[in-house]
C-alpha atoms as a PDB file:
ATOM      1  CA  MET A   1       9.759   2.285 -16.485  1.00  0.00           C
ATOM      2  CA  PRO A   2       9.519   6.396 -16.246  1.00  0.00           C
ATOM      3  CA  THR A   3       9.167   7.420 -12.758  1.00  0.00           C
ATOM      4  CA  THR A   4       5.856   9.385 -11.477  1.00  0.00           C
ATOM      5  CA  GLU A   5       5.993  11.754  -9.192  1.00  0.00           C
ATOM      6  CA  ILE A   6       2.852  12.221  -6.764  1.00  0.00           C
ATOM      7  CA  GLU A   7       2.326  14.673  -4.007  1.00  0.00           C
ATOM      8  CA  LEU A   8       0.836  13.592  -0.368  1.00  0.00           C
ATOM      9  CA  ALA A   9      -0.353  15.503   2.603  1.00  0.00           C
ATOM     10  CA  GLU A  10       1.419  15.958   5.222  1.00  0.00           C
ATOM     11  CA  GLU A  11      -1.172  13.681   7.657  1.00  0.00           C
ATOM     12  CA  THR A  12      -0.943  10.671   4.950  1.00  0.00           C
ATOM     13  CA  VAL A  13       2.839  10.997   5.328  1.00  0.00           C
ATOM     14  CA  GLU A  14       2.754  10.912   8.700  1.00  0.00           C
ATOM     15  CA  ARG A  15       0.447   7.657   8.355  1.00  0.00           C
ATOM     16  CA  LEU A  16       3.037   5.995   5.961  1.00  0.00           C
ATOM     17  CA  ASP A  17       5.933   6.994   8.486  1.00  0.00           C
ATOM     18  CA  ALA A  18       3.946   5.060  11.568  1.00  0.00           C
ATOM     19  CA  LEU A  19       3.665   1.931   8.990  1.00  0.00           C
ATOM     20  CA  ARG A  20       7.308   2.001   8.177  1.00  0.00           C
ATOM     21  CA  VAL A  21       9.652  -0.698   9.503  1.00  0.00           C
ATOM     22  CA  ASP A  22      13.065  -0.239   9.839  1.00  0.00           C
ATOM     23  CA  ASP A  23      14.376   1.471   6.664  1.00  0.00           C
ATOM     24  CA  GLU A  24      11.997   0.365   4.715  1.00  0.00           C
ATOM     25  CA  SER A  25      11.048   2.692   1.821  1.00  0.00           C
ATOM     26  CA  TYR A  26       8.149   4.374   0.702  1.00  0.00           C
ATOM     27  CA  ASP A  27       7.814   2.027  -2.429  1.00  0.00           C
ATOM     28  CA  GLU A  28       8.174  -0.649  -0.767  1.00  0.00           C
ATOM     29  CA  LEU A  29       5.596   0.411   2.149  1.00  0.00           C
ATOM     30  CA  ILE A  30       2.938   1.261  -0.911  1.00  0.00           C
ATOM     31  CA  ASN A  31       3.576  -2.327  -2.505  1.00  0.00           C
ATOM     32  CA  GLU A  32       3.200  -4.062   0.427  1.00  0.00           C
ATOM     33  CA  LEU A  33      -0.266  -2.521   1.152  1.00  0.00           C
ATOM     34  CA  ILE A  34      -1.196  -2.640  -2.531  1.00  0.00           C
ATOM     35  CA  ASN A  35      -0.711  -6.624  -1.808  1.00  0.00           C
ATOM     36  CA  ILE A  36      -2.512  -6.859   0.826  1.00  0.00           C
ATOM     37  CA  TYR A  37      -5.618  -4.572  -0.309  1.00  0.00           C
ATOM     38  CA  GLU A  38      -5.746  -7.020  -3.508  1.00  0.00           C
ATOM     39  CA  ALA A  39      -5.067 -10.030  -1.676  1.00  0.00           C
ATOM     40  CA  GLY A  40      -8.270  -9.007   0.595  1.00  0.00           C
ATOM     41  CA  GLU A  41     -10.283  -8.285  -2.975  1.00  0.00           C
ATOM     42  CA  PHE A  42      -9.049 -11.761  -4.081  1.00  0.00           C
ATOM     43  CA  THR A  43     -11.091 -13.251  -0.875  1.00  0.00           C
ATOM     44  CA  LEU A  44     -13.801 -11.436  -1.008  1.00  0.00           C
ATOM     45  CA  PHE A  45     -14.112 -12.261  -4.529  1.00  0.00           C
ATOM     46  CA  HIS A  46     -13.862 -15.873  -4.337  1.00  0.00           C
ATOM     47  CA  ALA A  47     -16.221 -15.822  -1.212  1.00  0.00           C
ATOM     48  CA  GLY A  48     -18.854 -14.639  -2.814  1.00  0.00           C
ATOM     49  CA  SER A  49     -18.770 -17.205  -5.678  1.00  0.00           C
ATOM     50  CA  GLU A  50     -19.344 -19.908  -3.140  1.00  0.00           C
END
């Protein structure tokens, strides 16, 4: 899989650093945030179909 690089503002990096636990990598943190977002989106989608 090709590696993609993105540039982040210093404020964004500081916010990510505040969320990191122990030696958690940025990749792990971003994946966790995406999973939380997707789970919330999934819940909202199904809540609207009732």
